[in-house]
Amino acid sequence: MLRQGALASMLNVKPIIVLKDGVLEAGEQIRTRKKSLDRILAMIRERVGNRAINLSVVHAIAPAEAASLAETAKQALNVRELIISPLSISVAVQLGPGTMGLIAYPLD
């Protein structure tokens, strides 16, 4: 029997993990990395609309991809301040190398 992670890998499924009330929860599962990153941007846009935000792009050993995502986010969202940062080791160990995330804080 294949483990869920192995099956997801074979199908190129990228899970979206959401931090809700201090707990990481499994959200949607999207096929392909680009579609999953586009969906994360859309989720933020749905929540904040066109309000100004501070944005952090976090990554696990993926600085070039994080920079690219930051540029895409700046075009899609009303970003006032942007930070790119590595994920904390405790989270990166659980999610693996290449993990990317966005943290948005509305200013108004």
PDB file of N, CA and C in Angstrom:
ATOM      1  N   MET A   1       0.840  -1.181   0.000  1.00  0.00           N
ATOM      2  CA  MET A   1       0.000   0.000   0.000  1.00  0.00           C
ATOM      3  C   MET A   1       0.891   1.253   0.000  1.00  0.00           C
ATOM      4  N   LEU A   2       0.578   2.195  -0.866  1.00  0.00           N
ATOM      5  CA  LEU A   2       1.330   3.442  -0.943  1.00  0.00           C
ATOM      6  C   LEU A   2       0.933   4.376   0.190  1.00  0.00           C
ATOM      7  N   ARG A   3       1.916   5.014   0.770  1.00  0.00           N
ATOM      8  CA  ARG A   3       1.624   6.051   1.757  1.00  0.00           C
ATOM      9  C   ARG A   3       1.002   7.245   1.042  1.00  0.00           C
ATOM     10  N   GLN A   4       0.224   8.027   1.779  1.00  0.00           N
ATOM     11  CA  GLN A   4      -0.448   9.185   1.198  1.00  0.00           C
ATOM     12  C   GLN A   4       0.556  10.151   0.588  1.00  0.00           C
ATOM     13  N   GLY A   5       1.691  10.376   1.271  1.00  0.00           N
ATOM     14  CA  GLY A   5       2.700  11.293   0.758  1.00  0.00           C
ATOM     15  C   GLY A   5       3.317  10.803  -0.542  1.00  0.00           C
ATOM     16  N   ALA A   6       3.569   9.493  -0.631  1.00  0.00           N
ATOM     17  CA  ALA A   6       4.141   8.931  -1.858  1.00  0.00           C
ATOM     18  C   ALA A   6       3.163   9.062  -3.013  1.00  0.00           C
ATOM     19  N   LEU A   7       1.885   8.812  -2.750  1.00  0.00           N
ATOM     20  CA  LEU A   7       0.870   8.941  -3.789  1.00  0.00           C
ATOM     21  C   LEU A   7       0.747  10.398  -4.237  1.00  0.00           C
ATOM     22  N   ALA A   8       0.752  11.323  -3.284  1.00  0.00           N
ATOM     23  CA  ALA A   8       0.673  12.743  -3.627  1.00  0.00           C
ATOM     24  C   ALA A   8       1.865  13.157  -4.471  1.00  0.00           C
ATOM     25  N   SER A   9       3.042  12.631  -4.133  1.00  0.00           N
ATOM     26  CA  SER A   9       4.247  12.939  -4.898  1.00  0.00           C
ATOM     27  C   SER A   9       4.133  12.422  -6.332  1.00  0.00           C
ATOM     28  N   MET A  10       3.653  11.208  -6.480  1.00  0.00           N
ATOM     29  CA  MET A  10       3.497  10.629  -7.821  1.00  0.00           C
ATOM     30  C   MET A  10       2.516  11.435  -8.661  1.00  0.00           C
ATOM     31  N   LEU A  11       1.472  11.949  -8.031  1.00  0.00           N
ATOM     32  CA  LEU A  11       0.453  12.713  -8.749  1.00  0.00           C
ATOM     33  C   LEU A  11       0.794  14.200  -8.850  1.00  0.00           C
ATOM     34  N   ASN A  12       1.954  14.597  -8.299  1.00  0.00           N
ATOM     35  CA  ASN A  12       2.390  15.982  -8.291  1.00  0.00           C
ATOM     36  C   ASN A  12       1.397  16.890  -7.565  1.00  0.00           C
ATOM     37  N   VAL A  13       0.842  16.390  -6.450  1.00  0.00           N
ATOM     38  CA  VAL A  13      -0.108  17.149  -5.647  1.00  0.00           C
ATOM     39  C   VAL A  13       0.657  17.974  -4.624  1.00  0.00           C
ATOM     40  N   LYS A  14       0.292  19.233  -4.518  1.00  0.00           N
ATOM     41  CA  LYS A  14       0.917  20.151  -3.571  1.00  0.00           C
ATOM     42  C   LYS A  14      -0.131  20.571  -2.549  1.00  0.00           C
ATOM     43  N   PRO A  15       0.026  20.150  -1.294  1.00  0.00           N
ATOM     44  CA  PRO A  15      -0.958  20.533  -0.284  1.00  0.00           C
ATOM     45  C   PRO A  15      -0.765  21.991   0.135  1.00  0.00           C
ATOM     46  N   ILE A  16      -1.870  22.644   0.433  1.00  0.00           N
ATOM     47  CA  ILE A  16      -1.830  23.994   0.991  1.00  0.00           C
ATOM     48  C   ILE A  16      -2.112  23.850   2.477  1.00  0.00           C
ATOM     49  N   ILE A  17      -1.162  24.281   3.285  1.00  0.00           N
ATOM     50  CA  ILE A  17      -1.287  24.214   4.731  1.00  0.00           C
ATOM     51  C   ILE A  17      -1.639  25.618   5.224  1.00  0.00           C
ATOM     52  N   VAL A  18      -2.655  25.711   6.077  1.00  0.00           N
ATOM     53  CA  VAL A  18      -3.136  27.001   6.563  1.00  0.00           C
ATOM     54  C   VAL A  18      -2.907  27.082   8.070  1.00  0.00           C
ATOM     55  N   LEU A  19      -2.373  28.212   8.519  1.00  0.00           N
ATOM     56  CA  LEU A  19      -2.226  28.456   9.950  1.00  0.00           C
ATOM     57  C   LEU A  19      -3.509  29.113  10.433  1.00  0.00           C
ATOM     58  N   LYS A  20      -4.249  28.399  11.285  1.00  0.00           N
ATOM     59  CA  LYS A  20      -5.528  28.900  11.769  1.00  0.00           C
ATOM     60  C   LYS A  20      -5.570  28.768  13.283  1.00  0.00           C
ATOM     61  N   ASP A  21      -5.726  29.886  13.964  1.00  0.00           N
ATOM     62  CA  ASP A  21      -5.760  29.908  15.425  1.00  0.00           C
ATOM     63  C   ASP A  21      -4.537  29.226  16.031  1.00  0.00           C
ATOM     64  N   GLY A  22      -3.365  29.449  15.414  1.00  0.00           N
ATOM     65  CA  GLY A  22      -2.117  28.912  15.947  1.00  0.00           C
ATOM     66  C   GLY A  22      -1.849  27.462  15.610  1.00  0.00           C
ATOM     67  N   VAL A  23      -2.693  26.848  14.788  1.00  0.00           N
ATOM     68  CA  VAL A  23      -2.541  25.434  14.436  1.00  0.00           C
ATOM     69  C   VAL A  23      -2.413  25.296  12.923  1.00  0.00           C
ATOM     70  N   LEU A  24      -1.441  24.476  12.482  1.00  0.00           N
ATOM     71  CA  LEU A  24      -1.312  24.193  11.050  1.00  0.00           C
ATOM     72  C   LEU A  24      -2.358  23.156  10.662  1.00  0.00           C
ATOM     73  N   GLU A  25      -3.180  23.491   9.657  1.00  0.00           N
ATOM     74  CA  GLU A  25      -4.233  22.591   9.197  1.00  0.00           C
ATOM     75  C   GLU A  25      -4.069  22.326   7.711  1.00  0.00           C
ATOM     76  N   ALA A  26      -4.392  21.105   7.308  1.00  0.00           N
ATOM     77  CA  ALA A  26      -4.369  20.775   5.887  1.00  0.00           C
ATOM     78  C   ALA A  26      -5.527  21.492   5.206  1.00  0.00           C
ATOM     79  N   GLY A  27      -5.213  22.182   4.137  1.00  0.00           N
ATOM     80  CA  GLY A  27      -6.248  22.872   3.368  1.00  0.00           C
ATOM     81  C   GLY A  27      -6.486  22.125   2.073  1.00  0.00           C
ATOM     82  N   GLU A  28      -6.462  22.848   0.996  1.00  0.00           N
ATOM     83  CA  GLU A  28      -6.695  22.257  -0.320  1.00  0.00           C
ATOM     84  C   GLU A  28      -5.470  21.492  -0.799  1.00  0.00           C
ATOM     85  N   GLN A  29      -5.686  20.621  -1.767  1.00  0.00           N
ATOM     86  CA  GLN A  29      -4.586  19.937  -2.438  1.00  0.00           C
ATOM     87  C   GLN A  29      -4.696  20.264  -3.920  1.00  0.00           C
ATOM     88  N   ILE A  30      -3.656  20.863  -4.441  1.00  0.00           N
ATOM     89  CA  ILE A  30      -3.653  21.368  -5.814  1.00  0.00           C
ATOM     90  C   ILE A  30      -2.574  20.633  -6.603  1.00  0.00           C
ATOM     91  N   ARG A  31      -2.877  20.327  -7.851  1.00  0.00           N
ATOM     92  CA  ARG A  31      -1.872  19.702  -8.709  1.00  0.00           C
ATOM     93  C   ARG A  31      -0.988  20.786  -9.301  1.00  0.00           C
ATOM     94  N   THR A  32       0.268  20.615  -9.232  1.00  0.00           N
ATOM     95  CA  THR A  32       1.377  21.440  -9.704  1.00  0.00           C
ATOM     96  C   THR A  32       1.708  22.572  -8.737  1.00  0.00           C
ATOM     97  N   ARG A  33       2.964  22.843  -8.663  1.00  0.00           N
ATOM     98  CA  ARG A  33       3.479  23.877  -7.764  1.00  0.00           C
ATOM     99  C   ARG A  33       2.976  25.267  -8.154  1.00  0.00           C
ATOM    100  N   LYS A  34       3.010  25.587  -9.441  1.00  0.00           N
ATOM    101  CA  LYS A  34       2.565  26.911  -9.894  1.00  0.00           C
ATOM    102  C   LYS A  34       1.110  27.149  -9.523  1.00  0.00           C
ATOM    103  N   LYS A  35       0.255  26.171  -9.760  1.00  0.00           N
ATOM    104  CA  LYS A  35      -1.160  26.343  -9.427  1.00  0.00           C
ATOM    105  C   LYS A  35      -1.356  26.502  -7.924  1.00  0.00           C
ATOM    106  N   SER A  36      -0.562  25.797  -7.132  1.00  0.00           N
ATOM    107  CA  SER A  36      -0.721  25.918  -5.678  1.00  0.00           C
ATOM    108  C   SER A  36      -0.289  27.308  -5.206  1.00  0.00           C
ATOM    109  N   LEU A  37       0.799  27.841  -5.756  1.00  0.00           N
ATOM    110  CA  LEU A  37       1.239  29.188  -5.377  1.00  0.00           C
ATOM    111  C   LEU A  37       0.247  30.244  -5.856  1.00  0.00           C
ATOM    112  N   ASP A  38      -0.316  30.051  -7.051  1.00  0.00           N
ATOM    113  CA  ASP A  38      -1.351  30.962  -7.543  1.00  0.00           C
ATOM    114  C   ASP A  38      -2.576  30.924  -6.624  1.00  0.00           C
ATOM    115  N   ARG A  39      -2.923  29.736  -6.146  1.00  0.00           N
ATOM    116  CA  ARG A  39      -4.085  29.594  -5.261  1.00  0.00           C
ATOM    117  C   ARG A  39      -3.837  30.289  -3.925  1.00  0.00           C
ATOM    118  N   ILE A  40      -2.621  30.194  -3.400  1.00  0.00           N
ATOM    119  CA  ILE A  40      -2.306  30.870  -2.142  1.00  0.00           C
ATOM    120  C   ILE A  40      -2.456  32.386  -2.312  1.00  0.00           C
ATOM    121  N   LEU A  41      -1.969  32.924  -3.423  1.00  0.00           N
ATOM    122  CA  LEU A  41      -2.139  34.359  -3.692  1.00  0.00           C
ATOM    123  C   LEU A  41      -3.621  34.716  -3.778  1.00  0.00           C
ATOM    124  N   ALA A  42      -4.410  33.876  -4.437  1.00  0.00           N
ATOM    125  CA  ALA A  42      -5.849  34.124  -4.563  1.00  0.00           C
ATOM    126  C   ALA A  42      -6.526  34.077  -3.192  1.00  0.00           C
ATOM    127  N   MET A  43      -6.114  33.159  -2.329  1.00  0.00           N
ATOM    128  CA  MET A  43      -6.693  33.060  -0.984  1.00  0.00           C
ATOM    129  C   MET A  43      -6.421  34.336  -0.192  1.00  0.00           C
ATOM    130  N   ILE A  44      -5.219  34.858  -0.307  1.00  0.00           N
ATOM    131  CA  ILE A  44      -4.895  36.102   0.392  1.00  0.00           C
ATOM    132  C   ILE A  44      -5.733  37.248  -0.178  1.00  0.00           C
ATOM    133  N   ARG A  45      -5.829  37.310  -1.494  1.00  0.00           N
ATOM    134  CA  ARG A  45      -6.614  38.362  -2.152  1.00  0.00           C
ATOM    135  C   ARG A  45      -8.077  38.301  -1.702  1.00  0.00           C
ATOM    136  N   GLU A  46      -8.621  37.082  -1.561  1.00  0.00           N
ATOM    137  CA  GLU A  46     -10.003  36.909  -1.097  1.00  0.00           C
ATOM    138  C   GLU A  46     -10.173  37.456   0.315  1.00  0.00           C
ATOM    139  N   ARG A  47      -9.160  37.304   1.143  1.00  0.00           N
ATOM    140  CA  ARG A  47      -9.259  37.728   2.544  1.00  0.00           C
ATOM    141  C   ARG A  47      -8.993  39.208   2.743  1.00  0.00           C
ATOM    142  N   VAL A  48      -8.067  39.781   1.981  1.00  0.00           N
ATOM    143  CA  VAL A  48      -7.690  41.180   2.230  1.00  0.00           C
ATOM    144  C   VAL A  48      -8.181  42.143   1.162  1.00  0.00           C
ATOM    145  N   GLY A  49      -8.653  41.636   0.043  1.00  0.00           N
ATOM    146  CA  GLY A  49      -9.099  42.518  -1.031  1.00  0.00           C
ATOM    147  C   GLY A  49      -7.953  43.376  -1.519  1.00  0.00           C
ATOM    148  N   ASN A  50      -8.185  44.685  -1.627  1.00  0.00           N
ATOM    149  CA  ASN A  50      -7.148  45.601  -2.101  1.00  0.00           C
ATOM    150  C   ASN A  50      -6.519  46.391  -0.944  1.00  0.00           C
ATOM    151  N   ARG A  51      -6.796  45.960   0.307  1.00  0.00           N
ATOM    152  CA  ARG A  51      -6.206  46.662   1.448  1.00  0.00           C
ATOM    153  C   ARG A  51      -4.689  46.532   1.424  1.00  0.00           C
ATOM    154  N   ALA A  52      -4.025  47.525   1.947  1.00  0.00           N
ATOM    155  CA  ALA A  52      -2.569  47.479   2.055  1.00  0.00           C
ATOM    156  C   ALA A  52      -2.172  46.412   3.069  1.00  0.00           C
ATOM    157  N   ILE A  53      -1.093  45.682   2.742  1.00  0.00           N
ATOM    158  CA  ILE A  53      -0.613  44.623   3.632  1.00  0.00           C
ATOM    159  C   ILE A  53       0.901  44.674   3.758  1.00  0.00           C
ATOM    160  N   ASN A  54       1.387  44.149   4.853  1.00  0.00           N
ATOM    161  CA  ASN A  54       2.788  43.758   4.963  1.00  0.00           C
ATOM    162  C   ASN A  54       2.808  42.285   4.625  1.00  0.00           C
ATOM    163  N   LEU A  55       3.813  41.853   3.886  1.00  0.00           N
ATOM    164  CA  LEU A  55       3.862  40.477   3.402  1.00  0.00           C
ATOM    165  C   LEU A  55       5.220  39.863   3.685  1.00  0.00           C
ATOM    166  N   SER A  56       5.188  38.628   4.118  1.00  0.00           N
ATOM    167  CA  SER A  56       6.414  37.864   4.296  1.00  0.00           C
ATOM    168  C   SER A  56       6.349  36.624   3.424  1.00  0.00           C
ATOM    169  N   VAL A  57       7.398  36.390   2.677  1.00  0.00           N
ATOM    170  CA  VAL A  57       7.545  35.161   1.908  1.00  0.00           C
ATOM    171  C   VAL A  57       8.530  34.299   2.689  1.00  0.00           C
ATOM    172  N   VAL A  58       8.090  33.110   3.081  1.00  0.00           N
ATOM    173  CA  VAL A  58       8.951  32.201   3.834  1.00  0.00           C
ATOM    174  C   VAL A  58       9.260  30.987   2.965  1.00  0.00           C
ATOM    175  N   HIS A  59      10.432  30.403   3.197  1.00  0.00           N
ATOM    176  CA  HIS A  59      10.842  29.285   2.350  1.00  0.00           C
ATOM    177  C   HIS A  59      11.769  28.349   3.113  1.00  0.00           C
ATOM    178  N   ALA A  60      11.856  27.135   2.623  1.00  0.00           N
ATOM    179  CA  ALA A  60      12.801  26.146   3.149  1.00  0.00           C
ATOM    180  C   ALA A  60      13.790  25.815   2.039  1.00  0.00           C
ATOM    181  N   ILE A  61      14.940  26.406   2.116  1.00  0.00           N
ATOM    182  CA  ILE A  61      16.037  26.194   1.157  1.00  0.00           C
ATOM    183  C   ILE A  61      15.597  26.463  -0.283  1.00  0.00           C
ATOM    184  N   ALA A  62      14.903  27.577  -0.493  1.00  0.00           N
ATOM    185  CA  ALA A  62      14.446  27.942  -1.834  1.00  0.00           C
ATOM    186  C   ALA A  62      14.484  29.463  -2.018  1.00  0.00           C
ATOM    187  N   PRO A  63      15.651  30.093  -1.823  1.00  0.00           N
ATOM    188  CA  PRO A  63      15.701  31.563  -1.886  1.00  0.00           C
ATOM    189  C   PRO A  63      15.353  32.140  -3.259  1.00  0.00           C
ATOM    190  N   ALA A  64      15.762  31.496  -4.325  1.00  0.00           N
ATOM    191  CA  ALA A  64      15.462  32.025  -5.667  1.00  0.00           C
ATOM    192  C   ALA A  64      13.965  31.940  -5.950  1.00  0.00           C
ATOM    193  N   GLU A  65      13.348  30.829  -5.584  1.00  0.00           N
ATOM    194  CA  GLU A  65      11.907  30.690  -5.787  1.00  0.00           C
ATOM    195  C   GLU A  65      11.139  31.672  -4.900  1.00  0.00           C
ATOM    196  N   ALA A  66      11.637  31.907  -3.694  1.00  0.00           N
ATOM    197  CA  ALA A  66      11.002  32.870  -2.791  1.00  0.00           C
ATOM    198  C   ALA A  66      11.053  34.275  -3.388  1.00  0.00           C
ATOM    199  N   ALA A  67      12.165  34.649  -3.985  1.00  0.00           N
ATOM    200  CA  ALA A  67      12.292  35.962  -4.620  1.00  0.00           C
ATOM    201  C   ALA A  67      11.317  36.096  -5.786  1.00  0.00           C
ATOM    202  N   SER A  68      11.175  35.038  -6.557  1.00  0.00           N
ATOM    203  CA  SER A  68      10.237  35.042  -7.679  1.00  0.00           C
ATOM    204  C   SER A  68       8.792  35.167  -7.180  1.00  0.00           C
ATOM    205  N   LEU A  69       8.451  34.428  -6.134  1.00  0.00           N
ATOM    206  CA  LEU A  69       7.110  34.519  -5.558  1.00  0.00           C
ATOM    207  C   LEU A  69       6.860  35.920  -4.998  1.00  0.00           C
ATOM    208  N   ALA A  70       7.860  36.522  -4.401  1.00  0.00           N
ATOM    209  CA  ALA A  70       7.725  37.879  -3.865  1.00  0.00           C
ATOM    210  C   ALA A  70       7.386  38.868  -4.984  1.00  0.00           C
ATOM    211  N   GLU A  71       8.053  38.747  -6.118  1.00  0.00           N
ATOM    212  CA  GLU A  71       7.771  39.633  -7.252  1.00  0.00           C
ATOM    213  C   GLU A  71       6.348  39.439  -7.760  1.00  0.00           C
ATOM    214  N   THR A  72       5.918  38.190  -7.862  1.00  0.00           N
ATOM    215  CA  THR A  72       4.548  37.890  -8.302  1.00  0.00           C
ATOM    216  C   THR A  72       3.541  38.470  -7.315  1.00  0.00           C
ATOM    217  N   ALA A  73       3.819  38.305  -6.017  1.00  0.00           N
ATOM    218  CA  ALA A  73       2.912  38.801  -4.978  1.00  0.00           C
ATOM    219  C   ALA A  73       2.803  40.322  -5.017  1.00  0.00           C
ATOM    220  N   LYS A  74       3.922  41.006  -5.261  1.00  0.00           N
ATOM    221  CA  LYS A  74       3.900  42.470  -5.325  1.00  0.00           C
ATOM    222  C   LYS A  74       3.012  42.961  -6.468  1.00  0.00           C
ATOM    223  N   GLN A  75       2.940  42.200  -7.541  1.00  0.00           N
ATOM    224  CA  GLN A  75       2.095  42.578  -8.673  1.00  0.00           C
ATOM    225  C   GLN A  75       0.621  42.279  -8.401  1.00  0.00           C
ATOM    226  N   ALA A  76       0.353  41.239  -7.613  1.00  0.00           N
ATOM    227  CA  ALA A  76      -1.024  40.798  -7.391  1.00  0.00           C
ATOM    228  C   ALA A  76      -1.694  41.437  -6.179  1.00  0.00           C
ATOM    229  N   LEU A  77      -0.890  41.909  -5.229  1.00  0.00           N
ATOM    230  CA  LEU A  77      -1.424  42.420  -3.967  1.00  0.00           C
ATOM    231  C   LEU A  77      -0.921  43.831  -3.708  1.00  0.00           C
ATOM    232  N   ASN A  78      -1.570  44.530  -2.787  1.00  0.00           N
ATOM    233  CA  ASN A  78      -1.187  45.889  -2.405  1.00  0.00           C
ATOM    234  C   ASN A  78      -0.161  45.790  -1.269  1.00  0.00           C
ATOM    235  N   VAL A  79       1.078  45.484  -1.621  1.00  0.00           N
ATOM    236  CA  VAL A  79       2.133  45.227  -0.640  1.00  0.00           C
ATOM    237  C   VAL A  79       2.853  46.518  -0.284  1.00  0.00           C
ATOM    238  N   ARG A  80       2.864  46.841   1.008  1.00  0.00           N
ATOM    239  CA  ARG A  80       3.594  48.015   1.495  1.00  0.00           C
ATOM    240  C   ARG A  80       5.015  47.636   1.885  1.00  0.00           C
ATOM    241  N   GLU A  81       5.143  46.585   2.679  1.00  0.00           N
ATOM    242  CA  GLU A  81       6.458  46.139   3.128  1.00  0.00           C
ATOM    243  C   GLU A  81       6.576  44.645   2.854  1.00  0.00           C
ATOM    244  N   LEU A  82       7.751  44.232   2.392  1.00  0.00           N
ATOM    245  CA  LEU A  82       7.971  42.836   2.023  1.00  0.00           C
ATOM    246  C   LEU A  82       9.223  42.302   2.696  1.00  0.00           C
ATOM    247  N   ILE A  83       9.101  41.129   3.262  1.00  0.00           N
ATOM    248  CA  ILE A  83      10.235  40.451   3.888  1.00  0.00           C
ATOM    249  C   ILE A  83      10.328  39.046   3.293  1.00  0.00           C
ATOM    250  N   ILE A  84      11.534  38.617   2.964  1.00  0.00           N
ATOM    251  CA  ILE A  84      11.776  37.230   2.554  1.00  0.00           C
ATOM    252  C   ILE A  84      12.622  36.601   3.638  1.00  0.00           C
ATOM    253  N   SER A  85      12.169  35.455   4.128  1.00  0.00           N
ATOM    254  CA  SER A  85      12.835  34.843   5.274  1.00  0.00           C
ATOM    255  C   SER A  85      12.800  33.321   5.186  1.00  0.00           C
ATOM    256  N   PRO A  86      13.855  32.660   5.675  1.00  0.00           N
ATOM    257  CA  PRO A  86      13.784  31.202   5.756  1.00  0.00           C
ATOM    258  C   PRO A  86      12.779  30.784   6.825  1.00  0.00           C
ATOM    259  N   LEU A  87      12.122  29.659   6.603  1.00  0.00           N
ATOM    260  CA  LEU A  87      11.214  29.089   7.599  1.00  0.00           C
ATOM    261  C   LEU A  87      12.001  28.675   8.828  1.00  0.00           C
ATOM    262  N   SER A  88      11.341  28.686   9.970  1.00  0.00           N
ATOM    263  CA  SER A  88      11.997  28.171  11.177  1.00  0.00           C
ATOM    264  C   SER A  88      12.284  26.684  10.964  1.00  0.00           C
ATOM    265  N   ILE A  89      13.356  26.212  11.555  1.00  0.00           N
ATOM    266  CA  ILE A  89      13.774  24.826  11.349  1.00  0.00           C
ATOM    267  C   ILE A  89      12.703  23.842  11.796  1.00  0.00           C
ATOM    268  N   SER A  90      11.968  24.165  12.854  1.00  0.00           N
ATOM    269  CA  SER A  90      10.940  23.242  13.351  1.00  0.00           C
ATOM    270  C   SER A  90       9.813  23.045  12.341  1.00  0.00           C
ATOM    271  N   VAL A  91       9.483  24.075  11.585  1.00  0.00           N
ATOM    272  CA  VAL A  91       8.452  23.953  10.549  1.00  0.00           C
ATOM    273  C   VAL A  91       9.052  23.348   9.289  1.00  0.00           C
ATOM    274  N   ALA A  92      10.236  23.794   8.901  1.00  0.00           N
ATOM    275  CA  ALA A  92      10.873  23.302   7.677  1.00  0.00           C
ATOM    276  C   ALA A  92      11.107  21.799   7.725  1.00  0.00           C
ATOM    277  N   VAL A  93      11.467  21.273   8.883  1.00  0.00           N
ATOM    278  CA  VAL A  93      11.702  19.832   9.029  1.00  0.00           C
ATOM    279  C   VAL A  93      10.423  19.058   8.742  1.00  0.00           C
ATOM    280  N   GLN A  94       9.293  19.587   9.184  1.00  0.00           N
ATOM    281  CA  GLN A  94       8.017  18.900   8.990  1.00  0.00           C
ATOM    282  C   GLN A  94       7.527  18.982   7.543  1.00  0.00           C
ATOM    283  N   LEU A  95       7.775  20.109   6.880  1.00  0.00           N
ATOM    284  CA  LEU A  95       7.218  20.332   5.546  1.00  0.00           C
ATOM    285  C   LEU A  95       8.187  20.028   4.416  1.00  0.00           C
ATOM    286  N   GLY A  96       9.477  20.045   4.682  1.00  0.00           N
ATOM    287  CA  GLY A  96      10.459  19.637   3.690  1.00  0.00           C
ATOM    288  C   GLY A  96      11.063  20.757   2.884  1.00  0.00           C
ATOM    289  N   PRO A  97      12.219  20.462   2.243  1.00  0.00           N
ATOM    290  CA  PRO A  97      12.903  21.450   1.411  1.00  0.00           C
ATOM    291  C   PRO A  97      12.020  21.886   0.244  1.00  0.00           C
ATOM    292  N   GLY A  98      12.127  23.146  -0.098  1.00  0.00           N
ATOM    293  CA  GLY A  98      11.330  23.672  -1.207  1.00  0.00           C
ATOM    294  C   GLY A  98       9.991  24.230  -0.780  1.00  0.00           C
ATOM    295  N   THR A  99       9.639  24.051   0.484  1.00  0.00           N
ATOM    296  CA  THR A  99       8.374  24.585   0.975  1.00  0.00           C
ATOM    297  C   THR A  99       8.381  26.099   0.856  1.00  0.00           C
ATOM    298  N   MET A 100       7.248  26.646   0.446  1.00  0.00           N
ATOM    299  CA  MET A 100       7.099  28.103   0.319  1.00  0.00           C
ATOM    300  C   MET A 100       5.822  28.508   1.021  1.00  0.00           C
ATOM    301  N   GLY A 101       5.816  29.725   1.528  1.00  0.00           N
ATOM    302  CA  GLY A 101       4.612  30.211   2.178  1.00  0.00           C
ATOM    303  C   GLY A 101       4.523  31.717   2.135  1.00  0.00           C
ATOM    304  N   LEU A 102       3.317  32.216   2.341  1.00  0.00           N
ATOM    305  CA  LEU A 102       3.066  33.657   2.406  1.00  0.00           C
ATOM    306  C   LEU A 102       2.357  33.973   3.710  1.00  0.00           C
ATOM    307  N   ILE A 103       2.774  35.055   4.336  1.00  0.00           N
ATOM    308  CA  ILE A 103       2.136  35.541   5.544  1.00  0.00           C
ATOM    309  C   ILE A 103       1.758  36.987   5.274  1.00  0.00           C
ATOM    310  N   ALA A 104       0.463  37.288   5.333  1.00  0.00           N
ATOM    311  CA  ALA A 104      -0.019  38.633   5.040  1.00  0.00           C
ATOM    312  C   ALA A 104      -0.637  39.259   6.267  1.00  0.00           C
ATOM    313  N   TYR A 105      -0.291  40.523   6.526  1.00  0.00           N
ATOM    314  CA  TYR A 105      -0.811  41.262   7.664  1.00  0.00           C
ATOM    315  C   TYR A 105      -1.452  42.551   7.145  1.00  0.00           C
ATOM    316  N   PRO A 106      -2.796  42.632   7.165  1.00  0.00           N
ATOM    317  CA  PRO A 106      -3.456  43.859   6.698  1.00  0.00           C
ATOM    318  C   PRO A 106      -3.112  45.046   7.590  1.00  0.00           C
ATOM    319  N   LEU A 107      -2.924  46.219   6.987  1.00  0.00           N
ATOM    320  CA  LEU A 107      -2.526  47.418   7.725  1.00  0.00           C
ATOM    321  C   LEU A 107      -3.701  48.251   8.188  1.00  0.00           C
ATOM    322  N   ASP A 108      -4.884  48.032   7.644  1.00  0.00           N
ATOM    323  CA  ASP A 108      -6.037  48.825   8.084  1.00  0.00           C
ATOM    324  C   ASP A 108      -7.196  47.964   8.479  1.00  0.00           C
TER     325      ASP A 108
END
